[in-house]
C-alpha atoms as a PDB file:
ATOM      1  CA  MET A   1      20.610  41.427  35.439  1.00  0.00           C
ATOM      2  CA  LYS A   2      17.449  39.445  36.115  1.00  0.00           C
ATOM      3  CA  SER A   3      15.464  41.424  33.535  1.00  0.00           C
ATOM      4  CA  ARG A   4      18.211  40.868  30.948  1.00  0.00           C
ATOM      5  CA  PHE A   5      18.076  37.118  31.597  1.00  0.00           C
ATOM      6  CA  ILE A   6      14.277  37.069  31.179  1.00  0.00           C
ATOM      7  CA  LEU A   7      14.548  39.037  27.927  1.00  0.00           C
ATOM      8  CA  LEU A   8      17.197  36.639  26.623  1.00  0.00           C
ATOM      9  CA  PHE A   9      14.980  33.654  27.536  1.00  0.00           C
ATOM     10  CA  PHE A  10      12.006  34.987  25.566  1.00  0.00           C
ATOM     11  CA  VAL A  11      14.208  35.829  22.561  1.00  0.00           C
ATOM     12  CA  CYS A  12      15.533  32.235  22.509  1.00  0.00           C
ATOM     13  CA  LEU A  13      12.003  30.868  22.836  1.00  0.00           C
ATOM     14  CA  LEU A  14      10.832  33.007  19.912  1.00  0.00           C
ATOM     15  CA  VAL A  15      13.718  31.806  17.720  1.00  0.00           C
ATOM     16  CA  ILE A  16      12.900  28.158  18.518  1.00  0.00           C
ATOM     17  CA  GLN A  17       9.245  28.682  17.581  1.00  0.00           C
ATOM     18  CA  ILE A  18      10.148  30.375  14.298  1.00  0.00           C
ATOM     19  CA  ASN A  19      12.584  27.577  13.394  1.00  0.00           C
ATOM     20  CA  ALA A  20       9.982  24.927  14.233  1.00  0.00           C
ATOM     21  CA  GLN A  21       7.427  26.628  12.006  1.00  0.00           C
ATOM     22  CA  SER A  22       9.965  26.886   9.169  1.00  0.00           C
ATOM     23  CA  ILE A  23      10.860  23.204   9.440  1.00  0.00           C
ATOM     24  CA  GLY A  24       7.200  22.242   9.536  1.00  0.00           C
ATOM     25  CA  ALA A  25       6.449  24.334   6.452  1.00  0.00           C
ATOM     26  CA  THR A  26       9.426  22.942   4.553  1.00  0.00           C
ATOM     27  CA  ASN A  27       8.633  19.313   5.337  1.00  0.00           C
ATOM     28  CA  LYS A  28       4.839  19.381   5.314  1.00  0.00           C
ATOM     29  CA  ALA A  29       4.853  17.042   2.287  1.00  0.00           C
ATOM     30  CA  PHE A  30       6.390  14.292   4.406  1.00  0.00           C
ATOM     31  CA  ASP A  31       4.697  12.376   7.190  1.00  0.00           C
ATOM     32  CA  GLU A  32       7.783  10.570   8.414  1.00  0.00           C
ATOM     33  CA  SER A  33      11.502  10.572   7.623  1.00  0.00           C
ATOM     34  CA  TYR A  34      13.782   7.555   7.435  1.00  0.00           C
ATOM     35  CA  ASP A  35      17.523   7.072   7.294  1.00  0.00           C
ATOM     36  CA  ALA A  36      19.391   5.691   4.279  1.00  0.00           C
ATOM     37  CA  SER A  37      18.835   2.079   5.368  1.00  0.00           C
ATOM     38  CA  GLY A  38      15.074   2.568   5.500  1.00  0.00           C
ATOM     39  CA  LYS A  39      14.814   2.557   9.311  1.00  0.00           C
ATOM     40  CA  PRO A  40      12.639   5.314  10.797  1.00  0.00           C
ATOM     41  CA  PHE A  41      14.283   7.908  13.018  1.00  0.00           C
ATOM     42  CA  ALA A  42      11.348   7.663  15.403  1.00  0.00           C
ATOM     43  CA  LYS A  43      10.795   4.459  17.368  1.00  0.00           C
ATOM     44  CA  ASN A  44       8.921   1.913  15.285  1.00  0.00           C
ATOM     45  CA  PRO A  45       6.080   0.281  17.273  1.00  0.00           C
ATOM     46  CA  ASN A  46       6.520  -2.865  15.160  1.00  0.00           C
ATOM     47  CA  SER A  47      10.294  -3.154  15.661  1.00  0.00           C
ATOM     48  CA  ASN A  48       9.851  -6.303  17.788  1.00  0.00           C
ATOM     49  CA  VAL A  49       8.150  -8.163  14.904  1.00  0.00           C
ATOM     50  CA  GLU A  50      10.258 -10.392  12.653  1.00  0.00           C
ATOM     51  CA  GLY A  51       9.835 -10.050   8.915  1.00  0.00           C
ATOM     52  CA  SER A  52       9.337  -7.095   6.644  1.00  0.00           C
ATOM     53  CA  GLU A  53       6.584  -4.507   6.431  1.00  0.00           C
ATOM     54  CA  LEU A  54       7.547  -3.773   2.833  1.00  0.00           C
ATOM     55  CA  PHE A  55       5.907  -4.929  -0.388  1.00  0.00           C
ATOM     56  CA  ASN A  56       9.268  -6.054  -1.761  1.00  0.00           C
ATOM     57  CA  GLN A  57      12.772  -5.986  -0.304  1.00  0.00           C
ATOM     58  CA  ASN A  58      14.250  -4.453  -3.454  1.00  0.00           C
ATOM     59  CA  TRP A  59      13.684  -0.797  -4.184  1.00  0.00           C
ATOM     60  CA  GLY A  60      12.039  -0.076  -7.490  1.00  0.00           C
ATOM     61  CA  THR A  61      11.279   2.888  -9.694  1.00  0.00           C
ATOM     62  CA  GLY A  62       7.949   4.268 -10.755  1.00  0.00           C
ATOM     63  CA  ASP A  63       5.527   7.101 -11.313  1.00  0.00           C
ATOM     64  CA  VAL A  64       3.345   8.747  -8.693  1.00  0.00           C
ATOM     65  CA  LYS A  65       0.083  10.606  -9.283  1.00  0.00           C
ATOM     66  CA  MET A  66      -1.048  13.023  -6.580  1.00  0.00           C
ATOM     67  CA  THR A  67      -3.869  15.453  -5.917  1.00  0.00           C
ATOM     68  CA  ARG A  68      -3.945  18.882  -7.616  1.00  0.00           C
ATOM     69  CA  ASN A  69      -2.550  17.337 -10.818  1.00  0.00           C
ATOM     70  CA  LYS A  70       0.900  16.836  -9.294  1.00  0.00           C
ATOM     71  CA  SER A  71       3.000  13.896 -10.423  1.00  0.00           C
ATOM     72  CA  PHE A  72       6.500  12.445 -10.090  1.00  0.00           C
ATOM     73  CA  ASN A  73       8.107  10.274 -12.741  1.00  0.00           C
ATOM     74  CA  ASN A  74      10.862   7.667 -12.574  1.00  0.00           C
ATOM     75  CA  VAL A  75      11.557   8.045  -8.843  1.00  0.00           C
ATOM     76  CA  GLU A  76      12.934   5.402  -6.447  1.00  0.00           C
ATOM     77  CA  LEU A  77       9.969   3.900  -4.621  1.00  0.00           C
ATOM     78  CA  GLN A  78       9.092   1.385  -1.937  1.00  0.00           C
ATOM     79  CA  PHE A  79       5.687   0.599  -0.392  1.00  0.00           C
ATOM     80  CA  ASN A  80       5.127  -0.102   3.316  1.00  0.00           C
ATOM     81  CA  ILE A  81       2.109  -2.418   3.486  1.00  0.00           C
ATOM     82  CA  VAL A  82       1.616  -2.115   7.263  1.00  0.00           C
ATOM     83  CA  THR A  83       1.552   1.696   7.409  1.00  0.00           C
ATOM     84  CA  GLN A  84       0.107   2.057   3.869  1.00  0.00           C
ATOM     85  CA  GLN A  85       2.839   4.593   3.129  1.00  0.00           C
ATOM     86  CA  LEU A  86       4.599   5.130  -0.167  1.00  0.00           C
ATOM     87  CA  LEU A  87       8.324   5.771   0.413  1.00  0.00           C
ATOM     88  CA  PHE A  88      10.829   7.497  -1.839  1.00  0.00           C
ATOM     89  CA  LYS A  89      14.526   8.305  -1.754  1.00  0.00           C
ATOM     90  CA  LYS A  90      15.908  11.806  -1.937  1.00  0.00           C
ATOM     91  CA  GLU A  91      19.671  12.352  -1.788  1.00  0.00           C
ATOM     92  CA  GLY A  92      20.191   9.042   0.016  1.00  0.00           C
ATOM     93  CA  THR A  93      17.496   9.620   2.644  1.00  0.00           C
ATOM     94  CA  VAL A  94      14.139   7.864   2.649  1.00  0.00           C
ATOM     95  CA  PHE A  95      10.916   9.820   3.097  1.00  0.00           C
ATOM     96  CA  ALA A  96       7.229   8.956   3.158  1.00  0.00           C
ATOM     97  CA  PHE A  97       4.734  10.808   0.992  1.00  0.00           C
ATOM     98  CA  GLY A  98       1.788  12.430   2.728  1.00  0.00           C
ATOM     99  CA  ASP A  99      -1.832  11.339   2.273  1.00  0.00           C
ATOM    100  CA  ASN A 100      -2.220  13.099  -1.076  1.00  0.00           C
ATOM    101  CA  VAL A 101      -1.085  10.161  -3.249  1.00  0.00           C
ATOM    102  CA  LEU A 102      -3.817   8.852  -5.563  1.00  0.00           C
ATOM    103  CA  SER A 103      -1.963   6.104  -7.419  1.00  0.00           C
ATOM    104  CA  PHE A 104       1.504   4.808  -8.218  1.00  0.00           C
ATOM    105  CA  THR A 105       3.278   2.329 -10.448  1.00  0.00           C
ATOM    106  CA  LEU A 106       6.121   0.286  -8.978  1.00  0.00           C
ATOM    107  CA  ASN A 107       8.638  -1.447 -11.251  1.00  0.00           C
ATOM    108  CA  TYR A 108      11.071  -3.757  -9.461  1.00  0.00           C
ATOM    109  CA  ASP A 109      13.272  -6.822  -9.837  1.00  0.00           C
ATOM    110  CA  LEU A 110      12.167 -10.162  -8.391  1.00  0.00           C
ATOM    111  CA  ASN A 111      14.553 -13.104  -8.781  1.00  0.00           C
ATOM    112  CA  GLY A 112      16.064 -11.570 -11.897  1.00  0.00           C
ATOM    113  CA  LYS A 113      12.709 -10.841 -13.542  1.00  0.00           C
ATOM    114  CA  GLN A 114      11.235  -7.385 -13.986  1.00  0.00           C
ATOM    115  CA  GLN A 115       7.831  -6.909 -12.359  1.00  0.00           C
ATOM    116  CA  SER A 116       5.384  -4.020 -12.570  1.00  0.00           C
ATOM    117  CA  VAL A 117       2.421  -3.368 -10.269  1.00  0.00           C
ATOM    118  CA  PHE A 118      -0.130  -0.580 -10.108  1.00  0.00           C
ATOM    119  CA  PHE A 119      -1.692   0.629  -6.849  1.00  0.00           C
ATOM    120  CA  LYS A 120      -4.622   2.978  -6.468  1.00  0.00           C
ATOM    121  CA  ASN A 121      -6.843   4.353  -3.699  1.00  0.00           C
ATOM    122  CA  ASN A 122     -10.014   6.477  -3.537  1.00  0.00           C
ATOM    123  CA  TYR A 123     -12.286   3.436  -3.627  1.00  0.00           C
ATOM    124  CA  PRO A 124     -15.326   3.256  -1.312  1.00  0.00           C
ATOM    125  CA  ALA A 125     -14.634   2.301   2.296  1.00  0.00           C
ATOM    126  CA  CYS A 126     -15.118  -1.432   2.837  1.00  0.00           C
ATOM    127  CA  GLY A 127     -14.556  -3.369   6.062  1.00  0.00           C
ATOM    128  CA  ASN A 128     -11.340  -2.130   7.675  1.00  0.00           C
ATOM    129  CA  GLN A 129     -10.278  -0.324   4.496  1.00  0.00           C
ATOM    130  CA  THR A 130     -10.904   3.397   4.009  1.00  0.00           C
ATOM    131  CA  ASN A 131     -10.886   5.469   0.841  1.00  0.00           C
ATOM    132  CA  THR A 132      -7.149   6.141   1.426  1.00  0.00           C
ATOM    133  CA  SER A 133      -6.263   2.413   1.424  1.00  0.00           C
ATOM    134  CA  PHE A 134      -4.178   1.279  -1.542  1.00  0.00           C
ATOM    135  CA  TYR A 135      -5.324  -1.647  -3.683  1.00  0.00           C
ATOM    136  CA  GLN A 136      -3.259  -3.454  -6.282  1.00  0.00           C
ATOM    137  CA  VAL A 137      -5.236  -3.120  -9.496  1.00  0.00           C
ATOM    138  CA  ILE A 138      -5.312  -6.404 -11.419  1.00  0.00           C
ATOM    139  CA  TYR A 139      -7.871  -5.261 -13.990  1.00  0.00           C
ATOM    140  CA  GLU A 140      -9.522  -1.933 -14.827  1.00  0.00           C
ATOM    141  CA  GLY A 141     -12.592  -2.469 -16.951  1.00  0.00           C
ATOM    142  CA  LYS A 142     -15.630  -0.641 -18.279  1.00  0.00           C
ATOM    143  CA  LYS A 143     -17.999  -2.129 -15.703  1.00  0.00           C
ATOM    144  CA  HIS A 144     -15.717  -3.113 -12.860  1.00  0.00           C
ATOM    145  CA  ASP A 145     -12.207  -3.238 -11.406  1.00  0.00           C
ATOM    146  CA  LEU A 146     -10.566  -6.367 -10.001  1.00  0.00           C
ATOM    147  CA  LEU A 147      -8.466  -5.506  -6.945  1.00  0.00           C
ATOM    148  CA  LYS A 148      -6.178  -7.093  -4.385  1.00  0.00           C
ATOM    149  CA  PHE A 149      -5.649  -5.677  -0.906  1.00  0.00           C
ATOM    150  CA  LEU A 150      -2.344  -6.758   0.620  1.00  0.00           C
ATOM    151  CA  ALA A 151      -1.926  -7.022   4.378  1.00  0.00           C
ATOM    152  CA  LYS A 152       0.637  -8.149   6.943  1.00  0.00           C
ATOM    153  CA  LYS A 153      -0.617 -10.061   9.955  1.00  0.00           C
ATOM    154  CA  LYS A 154       1.303 -10.448  13.233  1.00  0.00           C
ATOM    155  CA  GLU A 155       1.446 -14.127  14.091  1.00  0.00           C
ATOM    156  CA  GLU A 156       2.790 -15.745  17.254  1.00  0.00           C
ATOM    157  CA  ARG A 157       5.455 -18.407  16.689  1.00  0.00           C
ATOM    158  CA  TYR A 158       6.598 -20.829  19.366  1.00  0.00           C
ATOM    159  CA  GLU A 159       9.752 -22.939  19.599  1.00  0.00           C
ATOM    160  CA  TYR A 160      10.669 -25.477  22.249  1.00  0.00           C
ATOM    161  CA  ASN A 161      12.290 -23.851  25.311  1.00  0.00           C
ATOM    162  CA  GLN A 162      12.150 -20.445  23.616  1.00  0.00           C
ATOM    163  CA  PRO A 163       9.942 -17.413  24.275  1.00  0.00           C
ATOM    164  CA  PHE A 164       7.305 -16.829  21.606  1.00  0.00           C
ATOM    165  CA  LYS A 165       8.024 -14.305  18.900  1.00  0.00           C
ATOM    166  CA  LEU A 166       5.890 -12.219  16.577  1.00  0.00           C
ATOM    167  CA  VAL A 167       6.321 -12.737  12.838  1.00  0.00           C
ATOM    168  CA  TYR A 168       4.721 -10.957   9.884  1.00  0.00           C
ATOM    169  CA  THR A 169       2.735 -13.214   7.556  1.00  0.00           C
ATOM    170  CA  ASP A 170       1.336 -12.115   4.192  1.00  0.00           C
ATOM    171  CA  GLU A 171      -2.409 -11.979   3.551  1.00  0.00           C
ATOM    172  CA  THR A 172      -4.314 -11.193   0.361  1.00  0.00           C
ATOM    173  CA  TYR A 173      -7.941 -10.119  -0.011  1.00  0.00           C
ATOM    174  CA  TRP A 174      -9.714  -9.916  -3.360  1.00  0.00           C
ATOM    175  CA  TYR A 175     -12.265  -7.198  -4.162  1.00  0.00           C
ATOM    176  CA  TYR A 176     -14.660  -6.502  -6.993  1.00  0.00           C
ATOM    177  CA  PHE A 177     -15.495  -2.830  -7.579  1.00  0.00           C
ATOM    178  CA  ASP A 178     -18.845  -2.283  -9.319  1.00  0.00           C
ATOM    179  CA  LYS A 179     -18.477   1.051 -11.116  1.00  0.00           C
ATOM    180  CA  SER A 180     -22.157   1.579 -11.932  1.00  0.00           C
ATOM    181  CA  ASN A 181     -23.217   1.216  -8.281  1.00  0.00           C
ATOM    182  CA  PHE A 182     -19.935   2.528  -6.796  1.00  0.00           C
ATOM    183  CA  GLN A 183     -19.818  -0.535  -4.568  1.00  0.00           C
ATOM    184  CA  MET A 184     -17.048  -2.811  -3.271  1.00  0.00           C
ATOM    185  CA  LEU A 185     -17.550  -6.551  -2.871  1.00  0.00           C
ATOM    186  CA  LEU A 186     -15.177  -8.877  -1.021  1.00  0.00           C
ATOM    187  CA  ILE A 187     -14.681 -12.062  -3.058  1.00  0.00           C
ATOM    188  CA  LYS A 188     -12.499 -15.189  -3.031  1.00  0.00           C
ATOM    189  CA  ASN A 189     -10.293 -16.596  -5.769  1.00  0.00           C
ATOM    190  CA  ASN A 190     -12.252 -19.822  -5.500  1.00  0.00           C
ATOM    191  CA  LEU A 191     -14.333 -21.049  -8.425  1.00  0.00           C
ATOM    192  CA  ASN A 192     -17.312 -22.214  -6.317  1.00  0.00           C
ATOM    193  CA  ASP A 193     -17.467 -18.895  -4.475  1.00  0.00           C
ATOM    194  CA  LEU A 194     -17.273 -16.940  -7.719  1.00  0.00           C
ATOM    195  CA  GLN A 195     -20.012 -19.064  -9.248  1.00  0.00           C
ATOM    196  CA  LYS A 196     -22.363 -18.073  -6.402  1.00  0.00           C
ATOM    197  CA  ASN A 197     -21.660 -14.378  -6.964  1.00  0.00           C
ATOM    198  CA  TYR A 198     -21.902 -14.457 -10.763  1.00  0.00           C
ATOM    199  CA  ALA A 199     -24.481 -17.187 -11.404  1.00  0.00           C
ATOM    200  CA  ALA A 200     -26.162 -15.204 -14.217  1.00  0.00           C
ATOM    201  CA  ASN A 201     -22.928 -15.122 -16.243  1.00  0.00           C
ATOM    202  CA  TRP A 202     -21.692 -18.583 -15.365  1.00  0.00           C
ATOM    203  CA  GLN A 203     -22.698 -20.373 -18.569  1.00  0.00           C
ATOM    204  CA  VAL A 204     -20.614 -17.974 -20.659  1.00  0.00           C
ATOM    205  CA  ILE A 205     -17.709 -18.127 -18.192  1.00  0.00           C
ATOM    206  CA  ASN A 206     -17.706 -21.911 -17.920  1.00  0.00           C
ATOM    207  CA  ALA A 207     -17.532 -22.299 -21.698  1.00  0.00           C
ATOM    208  CA  SER A 208     -14.299 -20.312 -22.014  1.00  0.00           C
ATOM    209  CA  PHE A 209     -12.626 -20.712 -18.642  1.00  0.00           C
ATOM    210  CA  GLN A 210     -11.041 -23.845 -17.182  1.00  0.00           C
ATOM    211  CA  PRO A 211      -8.642 -23.104 -14.289  1.00  0.00           C
ATOM    212  CA  LYS A 212      -5.907 -25.523 -13.169  1.00  0.00           C
ATOM    213  CA  ASN A 213      -6.957 -25.355  -9.518  1.00  0.00           C
ATOM    214  CA  LYS A 214     -10.623 -24.544  -8.879  1.00  0.00           C
ATOM    215  CA  LYS A 215      -9.982 -23.882  -5.183  1.00  0.00           C
ATOM    216  CA  HIS A 216      -7.242 -21.329  -5.765  1.00  0.00           C
ATOM    217  CA  LEU A 217      -7.238 -19.305  -8.974  1.00  0.00           C
ATOM    218  CA  SER A 218      -3.997 -17.591  -9.958  1.00  0.00           C
ATOM    219  CA  ASP A 219      -3.762 -13.848 -10.628  1.00  0.00           C
ATOM    220  CA  GLU A 220      -3.679 -14.535 -14.363  1.00  0.00           C
ATOM    221  CA  GLU A 221      -6.779 -16.762 -14.165  1.00  0.00           C
ATOM    222  CA  MET A 222      -8.655 -14.132 -12.143  1.00  0.00           C
ATOM    223  CA  LEU A 223      -7.688 -11.572 -14.775  1.00  0.00           C
ATOM    224  CA  GLN A 224      -8.987 -13.787 -17.598  1.00  0.00           C
ATOM    225  CA  LEU A 225     -12.247 -14.454 -15.772  1.00  0.00           C
ATOM    226  CA  PHE A 226     -13.018 -10.810 -15.070  1.00  0.00           C
ATOM    227  CA  LYS A 227     -12.197  -9.806 -18.605  1.00  0.00           C
ATOM    228  CA  VAL A 228     -14.971 -12.177 -19.684  1.00  0.00           C
ATOM    229  CA  LEU A 229     -17.339 -10.672 -17.097  1.00  0.00           C
ATOM    230  CA  ASP A 230     -16.589  -7.165 -18.373  1.00  0.00           C
ATOM    231  CA  ASN A 231     -17.867  -7.874 -21.898  1.00  0.00           C
END
């Protein structure tokens, strides 16, 4: 009787191991699974923070380019800025792609207007960013790329007679990628700061570029400026 029980125990253990291996093999393309509302099945370490980790609250559609020449077209997408994970829906369930995504386009609705953004990684490591970090590509040129890195910062908020709470705030960092030297440079969308970095080209730039606010250039103004620099 005892030997039969031991045999049964090892058979059950073997079945569990085989099933675990099968599940792992089937789902190896996914790092993390989510339910239909977008909440992770596993406990989220940032669940006590108010605000969203997502790029945009509305799901969009887009194309995904991956390693080994794999690609997906016109799929439902969402981007988690905090975890740097690209999410997609499959049969009502939300999944996260693995680390083999190279770039993606996200088309979404914002206040009734259609928006389209392009994200890409595989740039040189710079500061806290690695070569797997995704940058929003504002301009791809012959000599350089103009990039934005989006981040979410946890900020403490206090109210009278209330315990403090953590809230996500949005942060944006601008980067210049020099293709000839394969080098990343952190810049500011401030005219005086840009003038220091590109003094040699400033006479040409100044003749054709007059921003509305010299201390804070818009995305469109940054695009115009770096198109001039790329000539």
